[in-house]
Amino acid sequence: QVQLVESGGGLVQAGGSLRLSCAASRLSFSPYTMGWFRQAPGKEREFVATINWSGGRTNYADSVKGRFTISRDNAKNTVYLEMNSLKPEDTAVYYCNANRGLDYWGQGTQVTVSS
């Protein structure tokens, strides 16, 4: 059974930084497009960022461009999300996603940004 386990969430003040990690197991990691999504209370899950299999192509939501950076280490089966200049509106549960036709999801990690 595929597992995606996120870590690195927490409470941070506005303007601060966090680095999320997502470790994959029981998954042939390198061919998968990996992504981060988030869901704030009372809102639908939304796209944050994706990275292709090689790491050579990334996409970001307009709301996080210039502040967040997605990266991956295929040798460690891990994808990262570096989040800088955090804002209260970034508060959400952040989910890791693996996609190659089928979607796999992690359980989520809470990020709370205080003003």
C-alpha atoms as a PDB file:
ATOM      1  CA  GLN A   1       0.000   0.000   0.000  1.00  0.00           C
ATOM      2  CA  VAL A   2       1.368   3.365  -1.065  1.00  0.00           C
ATOM      3  CA  GLN A   3       2.141   5.750   1.763  1.00  0.00           C
ATOM      4  CA  LEU A   4       2.796   9.461   1.613  1.00  0.00           C
ATOM      5  CA  VAL A   5       3.756  10.952   4.958  1.00  0.00           C
ATOM      6  CA  GLU A   6       3.956  14.704   5.379  1.00  0.00           C
ATOM      7  CA  SER A   7       5.912  16.466   8.092  1.00  0.00           C
ATOM      8  CA  GLY A   8       7.195  19.907   8.960  1.00  0.00           C
ATOM      9  CA  GLY A   9       3.959  21.739   9.637  1.00  0.00           C
ATOM     10  CA  GLY A  10       3.437  23.913  12.678  1.00  0.00           C
ATOM     11  CA  LEU A  11       2.664  27.353  14.014  1.00  0.00           C
ATOM     12  CA  VAL A  12       4.622  30.301  12.670  1.00  0.00           C
ATOM     13  CA  GLN A  13       4.262  34.062  12.731  1.00  0.00           C
ATOM     14  CA  ALA A  14       3.446  36.011   9.602  1.00  0.00           C
ATOM     15  CA  GLY A  15       6.593  36.586   7.596  1.00  0.00           C
ATOM     16  CA  GLY A  16       8.162  33.389   8.835  1.00  0.00           C
ATOM     17  CA  SER A  17       9.180  30.228   7.029  1.00  0.00           C
ATOM     18  CA  LEU A  18       8.474  26.520   7.130  1.00  0.00           C
ATOM     19  CA  ARG A  19       9.725  23.561   5.151  1.00  0.00           C
ATOM     20  CA  LEU A  20       7.339  20.695   4.514  1.00  0.00           C
ATOM     21  CA  SER A  21       8.516  17.224   3.570  1.00  0.00           C
ATOM     22  CA  CYS A  22       6.629  14.315   2.092  1.00  0.00           C
ATOM     23  CA  ALA A  23       8.226  10.891   2.198  1.00  0.00           C
ATOM     24  CA  ALA A  24       6.847   8.228  -0.124  1.00  0.00           C
ATOM     25  CA  SER A  25       7.017   4.512   0.428  1.00  0.00           C
ATOM     26  CA  ARG A  26       5.830   1.503  -1.518  1.00  0.00           C
ATOM     27  CA  LEU A  27       5.834   3.739  -4.594  1.00  0.00           C
ATOM     28  CA  SER A  28       8.085   3.797  -7.615  1.00  0.00           C
ATOM     29  CA  PHE A  29       8.663   7.469  -6.845  1.00  0.00           C
ATOM     30  CA  SER A  30      10.655   8.894  -9.699  1.00  0.00           C
ATOM     31  CA  PRO A  31       8.084   8.627 -12.527  1.00  0.00           C
ATOM     32  CA  TYR A  32       5.407  10.425 -10.516  1.00  0.00           C
ATOM     33  CA  THR A  33       4.475  14.059 -10.733  1.00  0.00           C
ATOM     34  CA  MET A  34       4.448  15.231  -7.141  1.00  0.00           C
ATOM     35  CA  GLY A  35       2.405  18.072  -5.768  1.00  0.00           C
ATOM     36  CA  TRP A  36       1.234  19.995  -2.770  1.00  0.00           C
ATOM     37  CA  PHE A  37      -2.358  21.017  -2.173  1.00  0.00           C
ATOM     38  CA  ARG A  38      -3.981  22.720   0.776  1.00  0.00           C
ATOM     39  CA  GLN A  39      -7.355  23.007   2.397  1.00  0.00           C
ATOM     40  CA  ALA A  40      -8.366  25.815   4.710  1.00  0.00           C
ATOM     41  CA  PRO A  41     -11.336  25.475   7.078  1.00  0.00           C
ATOM     42  CA  GLY A  42     -14.612  25.788   5.217  1.00  0.00           C
ATOM     43  CA  LYS A  43     -12.894  25.831   1.824  1.00  0.00           C
ATOM     44  CA  GLU A  44     -12.231  23.318  -0.898  1.00  0.00           C
ATOM     45  CA  ARG A  45      -8.836  21.748  -1.383  1.00  0.00           C
ATOM     46  CA  GLU A  46      -6.733  23.889  -3.721  1.00  0.00           C
ATOM     47  CA  PHE A  47      -3.623  23.451  -5.797  1.00  0.00           C
ATOM     48  CA  VAL A  48      -0.372  24.889  -4.438  1.00  0.00           C
ATOM     49  CA  ALA A  49       2.480  23.510  -6.525  1.00  0.00           C
ATOM     50  CA  THR A  50       3.581  20.567  -8.656  1.00  0.00           C
ATOM     51  CA  ILE A  51       6.915  19.242  -9.854  1.00  0.00           C
ATOM     52  CA  ASN A  52       7.516  16.811 -12.700  1.00  0.00           C
ATOM     53  CA  TRP A  53       9.462  13.578 -12.445  1.00  0.00           C
ATOM     54  CA  SER A  54      12.863  15.087 -13.101  1.00  0.00           C
ATOM     55  CA  GLY A  55      12.358  18.266 -11.142  1.00  0.00           C
ATOM     56  CA  GLY A  56      12.860  20.286 -14.286  1.00  0.00           C
ATOM     57  CA  ARG A  57       9.339  21.617 -14.482  1.00  0.00           C
ATOM     58  CA  THR A  58       7.393  23.255 -11.685  1.00  0.00           C
ATOM     59  CA  ASN A  59       4.047  24.989 -11.448  1.00  0.00           C
ATOM     60  CA  TYR A  60       2.706  27.234  -8.729  1.00  0.00           C
ATOM     61  CA  ALA A  61      -0.565  28.787  -7.747  1.00  0.00           C
ATOM     62  CA  ASP A  62      -0.489  32.543  -8.273  1.00  0.00           C
ATOM     63  CA  SER A  63      -1.060  33.038  -4.562  1.00  0.00           C
ATOM     64  CA  VAL A  64       2.269  31.408  -3.648  1.00  0.00           C
ATOM     65  CA  LYS A  65       4.509  32.314  -6.589  1.00  0.00           C
ATOM     66  CA  GLY A  66       7.728  33.896  -5.472  1.00  0.00           C
ATOM     67  CA  ARG A  67       7.240  32.733  -1.873  1.00  0.00           C
ATOM     68  CA  PHE A  68       7.051  28.918  -2.089  1.00  0.00           C
ATOM     69  CA  THR A  69       9.491  26.523  -3.750  1.00  0.00           C
ATOM     70  CA  ILE A  70       8.787  22.881  -4.523  1.00  0.00           C
ATOM     71  CA  SER A  71      11.655  20.445  -4.965  1.00  0.00           C
ATOM     72  CA  ARG A  72      12.255  16.710  -4.911  1.00  0.00           C
ATOM     73  CA  ASP A  73      14.966  14.209  -4.143  1.00  0.00           C
ATOM     74  CA  ASN A  74      14.282  11.028  -6.077  1.00  0.00           C
ATOM     75  CA  ALA A  75      17.054   9.181  -4.251  1.00  0.00           C
ATOM     76  CA  LYS A  76      15.210   9.802  -0.978  1.00  0.00           C
ATOM     77  CA  ASN A  77      11.677   9.405  -2.372  1.00  0.00           C
ATOM     78  CA  THR A  78      10.876  12.790  -0.894  1.00  0.00           C
ATOM     79  CA  VAL A  79       9.272  16.006  -2.091  1.00  0.00           C
ATOM     80  CA  TYR A  80       9.651  19.311  -0.279  1.00  0.00           C
ATOM     81  CA  LEU A  81       7.813  22.598  -0.060  1.00  0.00           C
ATOM     82  CA  GLU A  82       9.844  25.550   1.151  1.00  0.00           C
ATOM     83  CA  MET A  83       7.471  28.263   2.309  1.00  0.00           C
ATOM     84  CA  ASN A  84       8.740  31.786   2.927  1.00  0.00           C
ATOM     85  CA  SER A  85       7.053  35.088   3.733  1.00  0.00           C
ATOM     86  CA  LEU A  86       4.108  33.212   5.134  1.00  0.00           C
ATOM     87  CA  LYS A  87       0.780  34.979   5.460  1.00  0.00           C
ATOM     88  CA  PRO A  88      -2.231  34.220   7.664  1.00  0.00           C
ATOM     89  CA  GLU A  89      -4.124  33.222   4.523  1.00  0.00           C
ATOM     90  CA  ASP A  90      -1.628  30.386   4.034  1.00  0.00           C
ATOM     91  CA  THR A  91      -3.128  28.689   7.079  1.00  0.00           C
ATOM     92  CA  ALA A  92      -4.420  25.285   5.992  1.00  0.00           C
ATOM     93  CA  VAL A  93      -3.845  21.564   6.074  1.00  0.00           C
ATOM     94  CA  TYR A  94      -1.215  20.829   3.448  1.00  0.00           C
ATOM     95  CA  TYR A  95      -1.467  17.571   1.522  1.00  0.00           C
ATOM     96  CA  CYS A  96       1.118  15.771  -0.544  1.00  0.00           C
ATOM     97  CA  ASN A  97      -0.021  14.241  -3.838  1.00  0.00           C
ATOM     98  CA  ALA A  98       1.522  11.710  -6.192  1.00  0.00           C
ATOM     99  CA  ASN A  99       0.037  11.504  -9.662  1.00  0.00           C
ATOM    100  CA  ARG A 100       0.637   9.201 -12.584  1.00  0.00           C
ATOM    101  CA  GLY A 101      -2.880   8.722 -13.825  1.00  0.00           C
ATOM    102  CA  LEU A 102      -3.883   7.544 -10.383  1.00  0.00           C
ATOM    103  CA  ASP A 103      -3.760   9.905  -7.420  1.00  0.00           C
ATOM    104  CA  TYR A 104      -2.274   9.131  -4.036  1.00  0.00           C
ATOM    105  CA  TRP A 105      -2.639  11.432  -1.048  1.00  0.00           C
ATOM    106  CA  GLY A 106      -0.963  11.879   2.299  1.00  0.00           C
ATOM    107  CA  GLN A 107      -2.805  12.470   5.531  1.00  0.00           C
ATOM    108  CA  GLY A 108      -1.922  16.152   5.672  1.00  0.00           C
ATOM    109  CA  THR A 109       0.058  18.425   7.951  1.00  0.00           C
ATOM    110  CA  GLN A 110      -1.327  21.542   9.619  1.00  0.00           C
ATOM    111  CA  VAL A 111       0.250  24.907   8.902  1.00  0.00           C
ATOM    112  CA  THR A 112      -0.957  27.816  10.997  1.00  0.00           C
ATOM    113  CA  VAL A 113       0.276  31.355  10.372  1.00  0.00           C
ATOM    114  CA  SER A 114      -0.494  33.891  13.070  1.00  0.00           C
ATOM    115  CA  SER A 115      -0.806  37.593  12.369  1.00  0.00           C
END
